[in-house]
All heavy atoms as atom14 arrays in JSON, in Angstrom:
{
  "sequence": "TLEKDVEPLPVPRERTPASQPIIWRNVIGIIVLHFLAVYGF",
  "atom14_mask": [
    [1, 1, 1, 1, 1, 1, 1, 0, 0, 0, 0, 0, 0, 0],
    [1, 1, 1, 1, 1, 1, 1, 1, 0, 0, 0, 0, 0, 0],
    [1, 1, 1, 1, 1, 1, 1, 1, 1, 0, 0, 0, 0, 0],
    [1, 1, 1, 1, 1, 1, 1, 1, 1, 0, 0, 0, 0, 0],
    [1, 1, 1, 1, 1, 1, 1, 1, 0, 0, 0, 0, 0, 0],
    [1, 1, 1, 1, 1, 1, 1, 0, 0, 0, 0, 0, 0, 0],
    [1, 1, 1, 1, 1, 1, 1, 1, 1, 0, 0, 0, 0, 0],
    [1, 1, 1, 1, 1, 1, 1, 0, 0, 0, 0, 0, 0, 0],
    [1, 1, 1, 1, 1, 1, 1, 1, 0, 0, 0, 0, 0, 0],
    [1, 1, 1, 1, 1, 1, 1, 0, 0, 0, 0, 0, 0, 0],
    [1, 1, 1, 1, 1, 1, 1, 0, 0, 0, 0, 0, 0, 0],
    [1, 1, 1, 1, 1, 1, 1, 0, 0, 0, 0, 0, 0, 0],
    [1, 1, 1, 1, 1, 1, 1, 1, 1, 1, 1, 0, 0, 0],
    [1, 1, 1, 1, 1, 1, 1, 1, 1, 0, 0, 0, 0, 0],
    [1, 1, 1, 1, 1, 1, 1, 1, 1, 1, 1, 0, 0, 0],
    [1, 1, 1, 1, 1, 1, 1, 0, 0, 0, 0, 0, 0, 0],
    [1, 1, 1, 1, 1, 1, 1, 0, 0, 0, 0, 0, 0, 0],
    [1, 1, 1, 1, 1, 0, 0, 0, 0, 0, 0, 0, 0, 0],
    [1, 1, 1, 1, 1, 1, 0, 0, 0, 0, 0, 0, 0, 0],
    [1, 1, 1, 1, 1, 1, 1, 1, 1, 0, 0, 0, 0, 0],
    [1, 1, 1, 1, 1, 1, 1, 0, 0, 0, 0, 0, 0, 0],
    [1, 1, 1, 1, 1, 1, 1, 1, 0, 0, 0, 0, 0, 0],
    [1, 1, 1, 1, 1, 1, 1, 1, 0, 0, 0, 0, 0, 0],
    [1, 1, 1, 1, 1, 1, 1, 1, 1, 1, 1, 1, 1, 1],
    [1, 1, 1, 1, 1, 1, 1, 1, 1, 1, 1, 0, 0, 0],
    [1, 1, 1, 1, 1, 1, 1, 1, 0, 0, 0, 0, 0, 0],
    [1, 1, 1, 1, 1, 1, 1, 0, 0, 0, 0, 0, 0, 0],
    [1, 1, 1, 1, 1, 1, 1, 1, 0, 0, 0, 0, 0, 0],
    [1, 1, 1, 1, 0, 0, 0, 0, 0, 0, 0, 0, 0, 0],
    [1, 1, 1, 1, 1, 1, 1, 1, 0, 0, 0, 0, 0, 0],
    [1, 1, 1, 1, 1, 1, 1, 1, 0, 0, 0, 0, 0, 0],
    [1, 1, 1, 1, 1, 1, 1, 0, 0, 0, 0, 0, 0, 0],
    [1, 1, 1, 1, 1, 1, 1, 1, 0, 0, 0, 0, 0, 0],
    [1, 1, 1, 1, 1, 1, 1, 1, 1, 1, 0, 0, 0, 0],
    [1, 1, 1, 1, 1, 1, 1, 1, 1, 1, 1, 0, 0, 0],
    [1, 1, 1, 1, 1, 1, 1, 1, 0, 0, 0, 0, 0, 0],
    [1, 1, 1, 1, 1, 0, 0, 0, 0, 0, 0, 0, 0, 0],
    [1, 1, 1, 1, 1, 1, 1, 0, 0, 0, 0, 0, 0, 0],
    [1, 1, 1, 1, 1, 1, 1, 1, 1, 1, 1, 1, 0, 0],
    [1, 1, 1, 1, 0, 0, 0, 0, 0, 0, 0, 0, 0, 0],
    [1, 1, 1, 1, 1, 1, 1, 1, 1, 1, 1, 0, 0, 0]
  ],
  "atom14_positions": [
    [[-13.54, -22.2, 15.61], [-12.52, -22.02, 16.63], [-11.54, -20.91, 16.27], [-11.11, -20.16, 17.13], [-11.73, -23.33, 16.82], [-12.66, -24.36, 17.12], [-10.72, -23.2, 17.94], [0.0, 0.0, 0.0], [0.0, 0.0, 0.0], [0.0, 0.0, 0.0], [0.0, 0.0, 0.0], [0.0, 0.0, 0.0], [0.0, 0.0, 0.0], [0.0, 0.0, 0.0]],
    [[-11.19, -20.82, 14.98], [-10.07, -19.98, 14.59], [-10.45, -18.75, 13.79], [-9.64, -17.87, 13.61], [-9.08, -20.81, 13.77], [-8.5, -21.99, 14.53], [-7.88, -22.96, 13.56], [-7.49, -21.52, 15.54], [0.0, 0.0, 0.0], [0.0, 0.0, 0.0], [0.0, 0.0, 0.0], [0.0, 0.0, 0.0], [0.0, 0.0, 0.0], [0.0, 0.0, 0.0]],
    [[-11.67, -18.67, 13.29], [-12.05, -17.55, 12.45], [-13.34, -16.92, 12.96], [-14.33, -16.79, 12.25], [-12.18, -18.0, 11.0], [-10.86, -18.55, 10.45], [-11.01, -19.08, 9.03], [-12.12, -19.01, 8.49], [-10.02, -19.56, 8.49], [0.0, 0.0, 0.0], [0.0, 0.0, 0.0], [0.0, 0.0, 0.0], [0.0, 0.0, 0.0], [0.0, 0.0, 0.0]],
    [[-13.33, -16.55, 14.24], [-14.51, -15.98, 14.84], [-14.84, -14.61, 14.25], [-16.0, -14.2, 14.23], [-14.31, -15.86, 16.35], [-14.16, -17.22, 17.04], [-13.92, -17.03, 18.52], [-13.72, -18.38, 19.2], [-13.45, -18.23, 20.65], [0.0, 0.0, 0.0], [0.0, 0.0, 0.0], [0.0, 0.0, 0.0], [0.0, 0.0, 0.0], [0.0, 0.0, 0.0]],
    [[-13.82, -13.88, 13.83], [-14.04, -12.53, 13.32], [-14.39, -12.59, 11.84], [-13.6, -12.26, 10.99], [-12.82, -11.65, 13.55], [-11.55, -12.29, 13.04], [-11.53, -13.54, 12.88], [-10.6, -11.55, 12.78], [0.0, 0.0, 0.0], [0.0, 0.0, 0.0], [0.0, 0.0, 0.0], [0.0, 0.0, 0.0], [0.0, 0.0, 0.0], [0.0, 0.0, 0.0]],
    [[-15.61, -13.08, 11.53], [-16.04, -13.17, 10.14], [-16.25, -11.77, 9.59], [-16.28, -10.79, 10.31], [-17.36, -13.96, 10.04], [-17.15, -15.39, 10.45], [-18.45, -13.32, 10.89], [0.0, 0.0, 0.0], [0.0, 0.0, 0.0], [0.0, 0.0, 0.0], [0.0, 0.0, 0.0], [0.0, 0.0, 0.0], [0.0, 0.0, 0.0], [0.0, 0.0, 0.0]],
    [[-16.39, -11.69, 8.28], [-16.47, -10.4, 7.62], [-17.61, -9.57, 8.2], [-18.76, -9.98, 8.18], [-16.65, -10.59, 6.12], [-15.43, -11.23, 5.47], [-15.68, -11.56, 4.02], [-16.79, -11.28, 3.55], [-14.77, -12.09, 3.37], [0.0, 0.0, 0.0], [0.0, 0.0, 0.0], [0.0, 0.0, 0.0], [0.0, 0.0, 0.0], [0.0, 0.0, 0.0]],
    [[-17.33, -8.37, 8.71], [-18.36, -7.56, 9.32], [-19.25, -6.84, 8.31], [-20.33, -6.41, 8.62], [-17.54, -6.54, 10.13], [-16.26, -6.42, 9.38], [-16.0, -7.79, 8.82], [0.0, 0.0, 0.0], [0.0, 0.0, 0.0], [0.0, 0.0, 0.0], [0.0, 0.0, 0.0], [0.0, 0.0, 0.0], [0.0, 0.0, 0.0], [0.0, 0.0, 0.0]],
    [[-18.75, -6.66, 7.06], [-19.5, -5.98, 6.03], [-19.37, -6.75, 4.73], [-18.39, -7.46, 4.52], [-18.94, -4.56, 5.82], [-19.1, -3.56, 6.96], [-18.32, -2.3, 6.62], [-20.55, -3.23, 7.19], [0.0, 0.0, 0.0], [0.0, 0.0, 0.0], [0.0, 0.0, 0.0], [0.0, 0.0, 0.0], [0.0, 0.0, 0.0], [0.0, 0.0, 0.0]],
    [[-20.39, -6.67, 3.86], [-20.24, -7.32, 2.55], [-19.12, -6.67, 1.77], [-18.94, -5.45, 1.8], [-21.61, -7.07, 1.89], [-22.15, -5.87, 2.57], [-21.66, -5.96, 4.0], [0.0, 0.0, 0.0], [0.0, 0.0, 0.0], [0.0, 0.0, 0.0], [0.0, 0.0, 0.0], [0.0, 0.0, 0.0], [0.0, 0.0, 0.0], [0.0, 0.0, 0.0]],
    [[-18.37, -7.49, 1.07], [-17.24, -6.98, 0.29], [-17.76, -6.25, -0.93], [-18.72, -6.68, -1.56], [-16.33, -8.14, -0.14], [-15.19, -7.63, -1.0], [-15.8, -8.86, 1.07], [0.0, 0.0, 0.0], [0.0, 0.0, 0.0], [0.0, 0.0, 0.0], [0.0, 0.0, 0.0], [0.0, 0.0, 0.0], [0.0, 0.0, 0.0], [0.0, 0.0, 0.0]],
    [[-17.16, -5.11, -1.28], [-17.63, -4.39, -2.47], [-17.54, -5.26, -3.71], [-16.51, -5.86, -3.99], [-16.68, -3.19, -2.56], [-15.49, -3.57, -1.73], [-16.01, -4.45, -0.65], [0.0, 0.0, 0.0], [0.0, 0.0, 0.0], [0.0, 0.0, 0.0], [0.0, 0.0, 0.0], [0.0, 0.0, 0.0], [0.0, 0.0, 0.0], [0.0, 0.0, 0.0]],
    [[-18.63, -5.32, -4.47], [-18.68, -6.2, -5.64], [-17.95, -5.59, -6.83], [-17.43, -6.3, -7.67], [-20.13, -6.5, -6.01], [-20.89, -7.23, -4.91], [-22.31, -7.52, -5.37], [-22.34, -8.43, -6.49], [-22.25, -9.75, -6.4], [-22.12, -10.32, -5.22], [-22.29, -10.5, -7.48], [0.0, 0.0, 0.0], [0.0, 0.0, 0.0], [0.0, 0.0, 0.0]],
    [[-17.92, -4.31, -6.93], [-17.23, -3.66, -8.03], [-16.16, -2.74, -7.48], [-16.25, -2.26, -6.35], [-18.23, -2.85, -8.87], [-19.38, -3.68, -9.44], [-18.93, -4.68, -10.48], [-17.85, -4.46, -11.07], [-19.64, -5.67, -10.69], [0.0, 0.0, 0.0], [0.0, 0.0, 0.0], [0.0, 0.0, 0.0], [0.0, 0.0, 0.0], [0.0, 0.0, 0.0]],
    [[-15.14, -2.49, -8.28], [-14.1, -1.57, -7.86], [-14.67, -0.16, -7.73], [-15.3, 0.36, -8.63], [-12.95, -1.57, -8.87], [-11.78, -0.73, -8.41], [-10.65, -0.84, -9.41], [-10.29, -2.22, -9.63], [-9.55, -2.93, -8.79], [-9.11, -2.39, -7.68], [-9.26, -4.18, -9.07], [0.0, 0.0, 0.0], [0.0, 0.0, 0.0], [0.0, 0.0, 0.0]],
    [[-14.47, 0.43, -6.56], [-14.99, 1.75, -6.29], [-14.02, 2.8, -6.83], [-12.89, 2.86, -6.38], [-15.19, 1.98, -4.78], [-16.01, 0.94, -4.26], [-15.83, 3.33, -4.52], [0.0, 0.0, 0.0], [0.0, 0.0, 0.0], [0.0, 0.0, 0.0], [0.0, 0.0, 0.0], [0.0, 0.0, 0.0], [0.0, 0.0, 0.0], [0.0, 0.0, 0.0]],
    [[-14.46, 3.63, -7.8], [-13.55, 4.67, -8.27], [-13.18, 5.6, -7.11], [-14.04, 6.05, -6.36], [-14.39, 5.41, -9.32], [-15.46, 4.44, -9.71], [-15.75, 3.64, -8.49], [0.0, 0.0, 0.0], [0.0, 0.0, 0.0], [0.0, 0.0, 0.0], [0.0, 0.0, 0.0], [0.0, 0.0, 0.0], [0.0, 0.0, 0.0], [0.0, 0.0, 0.0]],
    [[-11.92, 5.84, -6.96], [-11.49, 6.66, -5.83], [-10.18, 7.34, -6.18], [-9.35, 6.78, -6.91], [-11.33, 5.81, -4.57], [0.0, 0.0, 0.0], [0.0, 0.0, 0.0], [0.0, 0.0, 0.0], [0.0, 0.0, 0.0], [0.0, 0.0, 0.0], [0.0, 0.0, 0.0], [0.0, 0.0, 0.0], [0.0, 0.0, 0.0], [0.0, 0.0, 0.0]],
    [[-10.0, 8.51, -5.63], [-8.75, 9.23, -5.81], [-7.77, 8.8, -4.73], [-8.09, 8.81, -3.55], [-9.0, 10.74, -5.71], [-7.79, 11.45, -5.72], [0.0, 0.0, 0.0], [0.0, 0.0, 0.0], [0.0, 0.0, 0.0], [0.0, 0.0, 0.0], [0.0, 0.0, 0.0], [0.0, 0.0, 0.0], [0.0, 0.0, 0.0], [0.0, 0.0, 0.0]],
    [[-6.59, 8.38, -5.16], [-5.54, 7.98, -4.24], [-4.3, 8.81, -4.54], [-3.42, 8.39, -5.29], [-5.23, 6.48, -4.37], [-6.36, 5.58, -3.9], [-5.99, 4.12, -4.01], [-6.43, 3.42, -4.91], [-5.17, 3.64, -3.07], [0.0, 0.0, 0.0], [0.0, 0.0, 0.0], [0.0, 0.0, 0.0], [0.0, 0.0, 0.0], [0.0, 0.0, 0.0]],
    [[-4.22, 9.99, -3.93], [-3.09, 10.89, -4.21], [-1.76, 10.23, -3.89], [-1.63, 9.43, -2.97], [-3.36, 12.08, -3.28], [-4.82, 12.02, -2.97], [-5.16, 10.56, -2.96], [0.0, 0.0, 0.0], [0.0, 0.0, 0.0], [0.0, 0.0, 0.0], [0.0, 0.0, 0.0], [0.0, 0.0, 0.0], [0.0, 0.0, 0.0], [0.0, 0.0, 0.0]],
    [[-0.76, 10.58, -4.67], [0.59, 10.08, -4.45], [1.17, 10.71, -3.19], [1.02, 11.9, -2.95], [1.5, 10.4, -5.66], [1.01, 9.66, -6.9], [2.96, 10.04, -5.36], [1.76, 10.03, -8.16], [0.0, 0.0, 0.0], [0.0, 0.0, 0.0], [0.0, 0.0, 0.0], [0.0, 0.0, 0.0], [0.0, 0.0, 0.0], [0.0, 0.0, 0.0]],
    [[1.81, 9.91, -2.38], [2.51, 10.4, -1.19], [3.96, 10.62, -1.61], [4.78, 9.7, -1.6], [2.41, 9.39, -0.02], [0.96, 9.05, 0.26], [3.09, 9.96, 1.23], [0.78, 7.97, 1.32], [0.0, 0.0, 0.0], [0.0, 0.0, 0.0], [0.0, 0.0, 0.0], [0.0, 0.0, 0.0], [0.0, 0.0, 0.0], [0.0, 0.0, 0.0]],
    [[4.28, 11.85, -2.01], [5.59, 12.12, -2.58], [6.72, 11.88, -1.59], [7.82, 11.51, -1.99], [5.63, 13.54, -3.11], [4.82, 13.69, -4.37], [3.61, 14.31, -4.52], [5.17, 13.15, -5.65], [3.16, 14.2, -5.81], [4.11, 13.51, -6.54], [6.23, 12.43, -6.15], [4.11, 13.15, -7.88], [6.25, 12.06, -7.48], [5.2, 12.41, -8.33]],
    [[6.46, 12.07, -0.32], [7.5, 11.79, 0.68], [7.91, 10.33, 0.63], [9.1, 9.99, 0.7], [6.97, 12.15, 2.08], [7.96, 11.89, 3.21], [7.31, 12.19, 4.55], [6.14, 11.34, 4.77], [5.35, 11.42, 5.84], [5.57, 12.35, 6.75], [4.31, 10.62, 5.97], [0.0, 0.0, 0.0], [0.0, 0.0, 0.0], [0.0, 0.0, 0.0]],
    [[6.92, 9.44, 0.51], [7.22, 8.01, 0.42], [7.93, 7.67, -0.88], [8.86, 6.87, -0.91], [5.93, 7.19, 0.54], [5.34, 7.21, 1.93], [5.81, 7.94, 2.79], [4.3, 6.42, 2.15], [0.0, 0.0, 0.0], [0.0, 0.0, 0.0], [0.0, 0.0, 0.0], [0.0, 0.0, 0.0], [0.0, 0.0, 0.0], [0.0, 0.0, 0.0]],
    [[7.47, 8.27, -1.97], [8.09, 8.0, -3.28], [9.55, 8.39, -3.26], [10.44, 7.61, -3.66], [7.34, 8.76, -4.39], [8.09, 8.63, -5.71], [5.92, 8.24, -4.53], [0.0, 0.0, 0.0], [0.0, 0.0, 0.0], [0.0, 0.0, 0.0], [0.0, 0.0, 0.0], [0.0, 0.0, 0.0], [0.0, 0.0, 0.0], [0.0, 0.0, 0.0]],
    [[9.83, 9.59, -2.79], [11.21, 10.07, -2.74], [12.05, 9.22, -1.79], [13.19, 8.85, -2.1], [11.25, 11.55, -2.31], [10.56, 12.42, -3.38], [12.68, 12.01, -2.07], [10.36, 13.85, -2.97], [0.0, 0.0, 0.0], [0.0, 0.0, 0.0], [0.0, 0.0, 0.0], [0.0, 0.0, 0.0], [0.0, 0.0, 0.0], [0.0, 0.0, 0.0]],
    [[11.47, 8.88, -0.64], [12.2, 8.05, 0.33], [12.56, 6.69, -0.24], [13.68, 6.2, -0.05], [0.0, 0.0, 0.0], [0.0, 0.0, 0.0], [0.0, 0.0, 0.0], [0.0, 0.0, 0.0], [0.0, 0.0, 0.0], [0.0, 0.0, 0.0], [0.0, 0.0, 0.0], [0.0, 0.0, 0.0], [0.0, 0.0, 0.0], [0.0, 0.0, 0.0]],
    [[11.61, 6.07, -0.94], [11.86, 4.74, -1.53], [12.93, 4.84, -2.62], [13.82, 3.98, -2.72], [10.55, 4.16, -2.08], [9.62, 3.78, -0.93], [10.82, 2.95, -2.97], [8.22, 3.4, -1.36], [0.0, 0.0, 0.0], [0.0, 0.0, 0.0], [0.0, 0.0, 0.0], [0.0, 0.0, 0.0], [0.0, 0.0, 0.0], [0.0, 0.0, 0.0]],
    [[12.87, 5.87, -3.45], [13.86, 6.05, -4.52], [15.25, 6.26, -3.92], [16.24, 5.63, -4.34], [13.48, 7.23, -5.42], [12.22, 6.9, -6.22], [14.64, 7.57, -6.37], [11.69, 8.07, -7.03], [0.0, 0.0, 0.0], [0.0, 0.0, 0.0], [0.0, 0.0, 0.0], [0.0, 0.0, 0.0], [0.0, 0.0, 0.0], [0.0, 0.0, 0.0]],
    [[15.36, 7.14, -2.94], [16.65, 7.42, -2.31], [17.21, 6.17, -1.64], [18.41, 5.86, -1.75], [16.53, 8.57, -1.29], [17.8, 8.71, -0.46], [16.2, 9.88, -1.99], [0.0, 0.0, 0.0], [0.0, 0.0, 0.0], [0.0, 0.0, 0.0], [0.0, 0.0, 0.0], [0.0, 0.0, 0.0], [0.0, 0.0, 0.0], [0.0, 0.0, 0.0]],
    [[16.35, 5.43, -0.94], [16.78, 4.22, -0.26], [17.36, 3.21, -1.25], [18.43, 2.62, -1.0], [15.6, 3.61, 0.5], [15.88, 2.35, 1.31], [16.86, 2.63, 2.43], [14.57, 1.79, 1.88], [0.0, 0.0, 0.0], [0.0, 0.0, 0.0], [0.0, 0.0, 0.0], [0.0, 0.0, 0.0], [0.0, 0.0, 0.0], [0.0, 0.0, 0.0]],
    [[16.68, 3.02, -2.37], [17.17, 2.07, -3.37], [18.44, 2.58, -4.05], [19.33, 1.79, -4.36], [16.08, 1.79, -4.4], [15.02, 0.85, -3.93], [14.05, 1.22, -3.02], [14.78, -0.46, -4.22], [13.26, 0.19, -2.78], [13.68, -0.84, -3.5], [0.0, 0.0, 0.0], [0.0, 0.0, 0.0], [0.0, 0.0, 0.0], [0.0, 0.0, 0.0]],
    [[18.52, 3.88, -4.27], [19.73, 4.45, -4.87], [20.93, 4.21, -3.96], [22.01, 3.79, -4.43], [19.55, 5.94, -5.11], [20.82, 6.63, -5.54], [21.27, 6.54, -6.85], [21.58, 7.34, -4.62], [22.46, 7.17, -7.24], [22.77, 7.96, -5.0], [23.2, 7.87, -6.31], [0.0, 0.0, 0.0], [0.0, 0.0, 0.0], [0.0, 0.0, 0.0]],
    [[20.77, 4.46, -2.66], [21.87, 4.27, -1.73], [22.3, 2.8, -1.66], [23.49, 2.5, -1.58], [21.47, 4.75, -0.33], [21.29, 6.27, -0.17], [20.75, 6.59, 1.21], [22.6, 7.0, -0.44], [0.0, 0.0, 0.0], [0.0, 0.0, 0.0], [0.0, 0.0, 0.0], [0.0, 0.0, 0.0], [0.0, 0.0, 0.0], [0.0, 0.0, 0.0]],
    [[21.32, 1.9, -1.71], [21.65, 0.48, -1.66], [22.42, 0.05, -2.9], [23.45, -0.64, -2.81], [20.36, -0.34, -1.51], [0.0, 0.0, 0.0], [0.0, 0.0, 0.0], [0.0, 0.0, 0.0], [0.0, 0.0, 0.0], [0.0, 0.0, 0.0], [0.0, 0.0, 0.0], [0.0, 0.0, 0.0], [0.0, 0.0, 0.0], [0.0, 0.0, 0.0]],
    [[21.94, 0.47, -4.08], [22.61, 0.08, -5.33], [23.98, 0.75, -5.43], [24.97, 0.1, -5.78], [21.73, 0.46, -6.54], [22.49, 0.22, -7.85], [20.44, -0.34, -6.53], [0.0, 0.0, 0.0], [0.0, 0.0, 0.0], [0.0, 0.0, 0.0], [0.0, 0.0, 0.0], [0.0, 0.0, 0.0], [0.0, 0.0, 0.0], [0.0, 0.0, 0.0]],
    [[24.03, 2.02, -5.12], [25.31, 2.74, -5.19], [26.33, 2.14, -4.21], [27.51, 1.96, -4.56], [25.1, 4.22, -4.86], [26.39, 5.01, -4.75], [27.1, 5.37, -5.89], [26.89, 5.38, -3.51], [28.29, 6.09, -5.79], [28.07, 6.1, -3.4], [28.77, 6.45, -4.54], [29.94, 7.14, -4.44], [0.0, 0.0, 0.0], [0.0, 0.0, 0.0]],
    [[25.87, 1.84, -3.01], [26.78, 1.25, -2.02], [27.32, -0.09, -2.46], [28.51, -0.4, -2.26], [0.0, 0.0, 0.0], [0.0, 0.0, 0.0], [0.0, 0.0, 0.0], [0.0, 0.0, 0.0], [0.0, 0.0, 0.0], [0.0, 0.0, 0.0], [0.0, 0.0, 0.0], [0.0, 0.0, 0.0], [0.0, 0.0, 0.0], [0.0, 0.0, 0.0]],
    [[26.46, -0.9, -3.09], [26.91, -2.21, -3.54], [27.91, -2.09, -4.68], [28.98, -2.72, -4.67], [25.71, -3.05, -3.99], [26.1, -4.42, -4.49], [26.38, -5.44, -3.61], [26.19, -4.68, -5.85], [26.75, -6.7, -4.07], [26.55, -5.92, -6.33], [26.83, -6.94, -5.43], [0.0, 0.0, 0.0], [0.0, 0.0, 0.0], [0.0, 0.0, 0.0]]
  ]
}
């Protein structure tokens, strides 16, 4: 009834080596956001 959308593909059995480049915009945004919160407090 509740889980009709069963897994469409077999789950990878081993960790697939992959390059995941850093998103520097997100990194900088997260750092600035936390700095402003801590500084403001």
